[in-house]
């Protein structure tokens, strides 16, 4: 099986992220999946094998994201990243009027700034550099739990 294509999906431990990862795996992609718990990475690696590489980072943790960039770059061996799916997110429900500002700010940290953190960190591997000699990658942002 040839894995000439690669995808990075944030938030693959459960739900939509896991389903997206499985779809890419079924289409012979090398899948990098962000998880926040080491145990989740072990379970997913066991389930999906060598075609899946867990990345331990929270989208709000810049040093951890940079470590993930370094690992992805190493694993791609000079190839670019074909797809980035920003799926990680939170939703703590309730009327904004009654939410404390710390919760509102945390929503923005994860759901807005977290997306930007990941895009910026992986932008070079996606081809956002001058004279990129490969097909540029694509970015998909999932923006709602609705």
C-alpha atoms as a PDB file:
ATOM      1  CA  UNK A   1       0.000   0.000   0.000  1.00  0.00           C
ATOM      2  CA  UNK A   2       1.462   3.344  -1.038  1.00  0.00           C
ATOM      3  CA  UNK A   3       0.834   6.332   1.227  1.00  0.00           C
ATOM      4  CA  UNK A   4       1.687   9.255  -1.039  1.00  0.00           C
ATOM      5  CA  UNK A   5      -0.873  11.540   0.576  1.00  0.00           C
ATOM      6  CA  UNK A   6      -0.933  12.947   4.092  1.00  0.00           C
ATOM      7  CA  UNK A   7      -3.477  14.632   6.315  1.00  0.00           C
ATOM      8  CA  UNK A   8      -3.375  16.230   9.739  1.00  0.00           C
ATOM      9  CA  UNK A   9      -6.613  16.310  11.707  1.00  0.00           C
ATOM     10  CA  UNK A  10      -6.956  18.025  15.073  1.00  0.00           C
ATOM     11  CA  UNK A  11      -9.155  16.524  17.753  1.00  0.00           C
ATOM     12  CA  UNK A  12      -9.212  12.880  16.592  1.00  0.00           C
ATOM     13  CA  UNK A  13      -9.882  11.189  19.938  1.00  0.00           C
ATOM     14  CA  UNK A  14     -13.652  11.024  19.400  1.00  0.00           C
ATOM     15  CA  UNK A  15     -16.568  12.141  17.282  1.00  0.00           C
ATOM     16  CA  UNK A  16     -16.202  14.036  14.042  1.00  0.00           C
ATOM     17  CA  UNK A  17     -12.401  14.109  14.215  1.00  0.00           C
ATOM     18  CA  UNK A  18     -12.176  10.338  14.541  1.00  0.00           C
ATOM     19  CA  UNK A  19     -14.634   9.854  11.669  1.00  0.00           C
ATOM     20  CA  UNK A  20     -12.661  12.243   9.455  1.00  0.00           C
ATOM     21  CA  UNK A  21      -9.421  10.424  10.328  1.00  0.00           C
ATOM     22  CA  UNK A  22     -11.005   7.079   9.446  1.00  0.00           C
ATOM     23  CA  UNK A  23     -12.171   8.440   6.087  1.00  0.00           C
ATOM     24  CA  UNK A  24      -8.654   9.575   5.224  1.00  0.00           C
ATOM     25  CA  UNK A  25      -7.197   6.274   6.454  1.00  0.00           C
ATOM     26  CA  UNK A  26      -9.660   4.382   4.241  1.00  0.00           C
ATOM     27  CA  UNK A  27      -8.397   6.450   1.297  1.00  0.00           C
ATOM     28  CA  UNK A  28      -4.744   5.498   1.914  1.00  0.00           C
ATOM     29  CA  UNK A  29      -3.570   8.706   3.534  1.00  0.00           C
ATOM     30  CA  UNK A  30      -0.887   8.853   6.167  1.00  0.00           C
ATOM     31  CA  UNK A  31      -2.868  10.466   8.976  1.00  0.00           C
ATOM     32  CA  UNK A  32      -1.452  12.628  11.720  1.00  0.00           C
ATOM     33  CA  UNK A  33      -4.025  13.124  14.456  1.00  0.00           C
ATOM     34  CA  UNK A  34      -3.849  15.521  17.368  1.00  0.00           C
ATOM     35  CA  UNK A  35      -4.835  14.185  20.759  1.00  0.00           C
ATOM     36  CA  UNK A  36      -4.541  15.717  24.226  1.00  0.00           C
ATOM     37  CA  UNK A  37      -4.076  12.492  26.186  1.00  0.00           C
ATOM     38  CA  UNK A  38      -1.181  10.120  25.583  1.00  0.00           C
ATOM     39  CA  UNK A  39      -3.488   7.131  26.262  1.00  0.00           C
ATOM     40  CA  UNK A  40      -5.736   8.163  23.362  1.00  0.00           C
ATOM     41  CA  UNK A  41      -2.730   8.153  21.054  1.00  0.00           C
ATOM     42  CA  UNK A  42      -1.768   4.646  22.140  1.00  0.00           C
ATOM     43  CA  UNK A  43      -5.301   3.336  21.594  1.00  0.00           C
ATOM     44  CA  UNK A  44      -5.633   4.963  18.165  1.00  0.00           C
ATOM     45  CA  UNK A  45      -2.188   3.731  17.068  1.00  0.00           C
ATOM     46  CA  UNK A  46      -3.149   0.221  18.115  1.00  0.00           C
ATOM     47  CA  UNK A  47      -6.451   0.497  16.237  1.00  0.00           C
ATOM     48  CA  UNK A  48      -5.095   2.055  13.011  1.00  0.00           C
ATOM     49  CA  UNK A  49      -1.482   0.842  12.844  1.00  0.00           C
ATOM     50  CA  UNK A  50       1.441   2.517  11.076  1.00  0.00           C
ATOM     51  CA  UNK A  51      -0.828   4.575   8.855  1.00  0.00           C
ATOM     52  CA  UNK A  52      -1.789   6.725  11.879  1.00  0.00           C
ATOM     53  CA  UNK A  53       0.637   8.915  13.824  1.00  0.00           C
ATOM     54  CA  UNK A  54      -0.653  10.570  16.995  1.00  0.00           C
ATOM     55  CA  UNK A  55       0.454  14.101  17.808  1.00  0.00           C
ATOM     56  CA  UNK A  56       0.213  15.094  21.459  1.00  0.00           C
ATOM     57  CA  UNK A  57      -0.837  18.750  21.589  1.00  0.00           C
ATOM     58  CA  UNK A  58      -3.569  21.122  22.640  1.00  0.00           C
ATOM     59  CA  UNK A  59      -4.329  23.809  20.037  1.00  0.00           C
ATOM     60  CA  UNK A  60      -3.621  26.493  22.667  1.00  0.00           C
ATOM     61  CA  UNK A  61      -0.107  25.170  23.452  1.00  0.00           C
ATOM     62  CA  UNK A  62       2.359  26.740  20.995  1.00  0.00           C
ATOM     63  CA  UNK A  63       5.487  24.818  22.108  1.00  0.00           C
ATOM     64  CA  UNK A  64       3.624  21.493  21.840  1.00  0.00           C
ATOM     65  CA  UNK A  65       2.319  22.447  18.389  1.00  0.00           C
ATOM     66  CA  UNK A  66       5.867  23.272  17.268  1.00  0.00           C
ATOM     67  CA  UNK A  67       7.069  19.875  18.502  1.00  0.00           C
ATOM     68  CA  UNK A  68       4.318  18.303  16.404  1.00  0.00           C
ATOM     69  CA  UNK A  69       5.420  20.312  13.352  1.00  0.00           C
ATOM     70  CA  UNK A  70       8.941  18.961  13.784  1.00  0.00           C
ATOM     71  CA  UNK A  71       7.676  15.369  14.007  1.00  0.00           C
ATOM     72  CA  UNK A  72       5.398  15.747  10.970  1.00  0.00           C
ATOM     73  CA  UNK A  73       8.214  17.303   8.953  1.00  0.00           C
ATOM     74  CA  UNK A  74      10.500  14.408   9.884  1.00  0.00           C
ATOM     75  CA  UNK A  75       7.885  11.772   8.977  1.00  0.00           C
ATOM     76  CA  UNK A  76       7.069  13.444   5.637  1.00  0.00           C
ATOM     77  CA  UNK A  77      10.730  13.167   4.579  1.00  0.00           C
ATOM     78  CA  UNK A  78      10.709  16.266   2.389  1.00  0.00           C
ATOM     79  CA  UNK A  79       7.141  15.904   1.143  1.00  0.00           C
ATOM     80  CA  UNK A  80       4.462  18.442   1.891  1.00  0.00           C
ATOM     81  CA  UNK A  81       1.313  18.036   3.929  1.00  0.00           C
ATOM     82  CA  UNK A  82      -1.710  17.563   1.646  1.00  0.00           C
ATOM     83  CA  UNK A  83      -4.558  18.364   4.029  1.00  0.00           C
ATOM     84  CA  UNK A  84      -5.071  20.094   7.375  1.00  0.00           C
ATOM     85  CA  UNK A  85      -8.466  19.632   9.022  1.00  0.00           C
ATOM     86  CA  UNK A  86      -9.018  21.929  11.996  1.00  0.00           C
ATOM     87  CA  UNK A  87     -11.596  19.979  13.945  1.00  0.00           C
ATOM     88  CA  UNK A  88     -10.606  20.476  17.602  1.00  0.00           C
ATOM     89  CA  UNK A  89     -13.040  22.678  19.442  1.00  0.00           C
ATOM     90  CA  UNK A  90     -15.139  23.159  22.533  1.00  0.00           C
ATOM     91  CA  UNK A  91     -18.725  24.137  23.200  1.00  0.00           C
ATOM     92  CA  UNK A  92     -19.856  25.043  26.683  1.00  0.00           C
ATOM     93  CA  UNK A  93     -23.499  25.913  26.204  1.00  0.00           C
ATOM     94  CA  UNK A  94     -25.645  28.628  27.642  1.00  0.00           C
ATOM     95  CA  UNK A  95     -26.692  32.204  26.993  1.00  0.00           C
ATOM     96  CA  UNK A  96     -23.703  34.515  26.651  1.00  0.00           C
ATOM     97  CA  UNK A  97     -25.346  36.907  29.084  1.00  0.00           C
ATOM     98  CA  UNK A  98     -24.902  34.354  31.862  1.00  0.00           C
ATOM     99  CA  UNK A  99     -21.503  32.912  30.908  1.00  0.00           C
ATOM    100  CA  UNK A 100     -18.525  34.077  32.890  1.00  0.00           C
ATOM    101  CA  UNK A 101     -15.961  35.927  30.782  1.00  0.00           C
ATOM    102  CA  UNK A 102     -13.262  33.332  31.480  1.00  0.00           C
ATOM    103  CA  UNK A 103     -15.386  30.694  29.719  1.00  0.00           C
ATOM    104  CA  UNK A 104     -16.085  33.018  26.785  1.00  0.00           C
ATOM    105  CA  UNK A 105     -12.375  33.819  26.465  1.00  0.00           C
ATOM    106  CA  UNK A 106     -11.496  30.113  26.590  1.00  0.00           C
ATOM    107  CA  UNK A 107     -13.925  29.469  23.725  1.00  0.00           C
ATOM    108  CA  UNK A 108     -12.032  32.019  21.647  1.00  0.00           C
ATOM    109  CA  UNK A 109      -8.646  30.607  22.699  1.00  0.00           C
ATOM    110  CA  UNK A 110      -9.589  27.142  21.452  1.00  0.00           C
ATOM    111  CA  UNK A 111     -12.074  27.754  18.631  1.00  0.00           C
ATOM    112  CA  UNK A 112     -10.512  30.838  17.008  1.00  0.00           C
ATOM    113  CA  UNK A 113      -6.941  31.377  18.140  1.00  0.00           C
ATOM    114  CA  UNK A 114      -6.297  27.618  18.331  1.00  0.00           C
ATOM    115  CA  UNK A 115      -7.241  27.260  14.665  1.00  0.00           C
ATOM    116  CA  UNK A 116      -4.888  30.107  13.765  1.00  0.00           C
ATOM    117  CA  UNK A 117      -2.090  28.590  15.878  1.00  0.00           C
ATOM    118  CA  UNK A 118      -2.287  25.334  13.944  1.00  0.00           C
ATOM    119  CA  UNK A 119      -2.621  26.966  10.513  1.00  0.00           C
ATOM    120  CA  UNK A 120       0.365  29.229  11.118  1.00  0.00           C
ATOM    121  CA  UNK A 121       2.502  26.431  12.537  1.00  0.00           C
ATOM    122  CA  UNK A 122       1.872  24.051   9.616  1.00  0.00           C
ATOM    123  CA  UNK A 123       1.679  26.687   6.860  1.00  0.00           C
ATOM    124  CA  UNK A 124       5.113  25.923   5.409  1.00  0.00           C
ATOM    125  CA  UNK A 125       4.396  22.197   5.189  1.00  0.00           C
ATOM    126  CA  UNK A 126       1.148  23.114   3.400  1.00  0.00           C
ATOM    127  CA  UNK A 127       3.077  25.165   0.847  1.00  0.00           C
ATOM    128  CA  UNK A 128       2.545  28.737   2.044  1.00  0.00           C
ATOM    129  CA  UNK A 129       6.106  29.732   1.149  1.00  0.00           C
ATOM    130  CA  UNK A 130       7.687  31.350  -1.862  1.00  0.00           C
ATOM    131  CA  UNK A 131       8.744  29.036  -4.686  1.00  0.00           C
ATOM    132  CA  UNK A 132       7.022  25.970  -3.228  1.00  0.00           C
ATOM    133  CA  UNK A 133       7.699  23.188  -5.737  1.00  0.00           C
ATOM    134  CA  UNK A 134       4.878  20.802  -4.801  1.00  0.00           C
ATOM    135  CA  UNK A 135       1.092  20.868  -4.982  1.00  0.00           C
ATOM    136  CA  UNK A 136      -0.001  23.129  -2.093  1.00  0.00           C
ATOM    137  CA  UNK A 137      -2.077  21.544   0.649  1.00  0.00           C
ATOM    138  CA  UNK A 138      -5.667  22.339   1.523  1.00  0.00           C
ATOM    139  CA  UNK A 139      -7.146  23.576   4.801  1.00  0.00           C
ATOM    140  CA  UNK A 140     -10.594  22.598   6.047  1.00  0.00           C
ATOM    141  CA  UNK A 141     -11.970  24.393   9.113  1.00  0.00           C
ATOM    142  CA  UNK A 142     -14.876  22.883  10.986  1.00  0.00           C
ATOM    143  CA  UNK A 143     -16.588  25.727  12.792  1.00  0.00           C
ATOM    144  CA  UNK A 144     -19.725  24.510  14.504  1.00  0.00           C
ATOM    145  CA  UNK A 145     -21.090  21.661  16.570  1.00  0.00           C
ATOM    146  CA  UNK A 146     -24.549  22.271  15.083  1.00  0.00           C
END
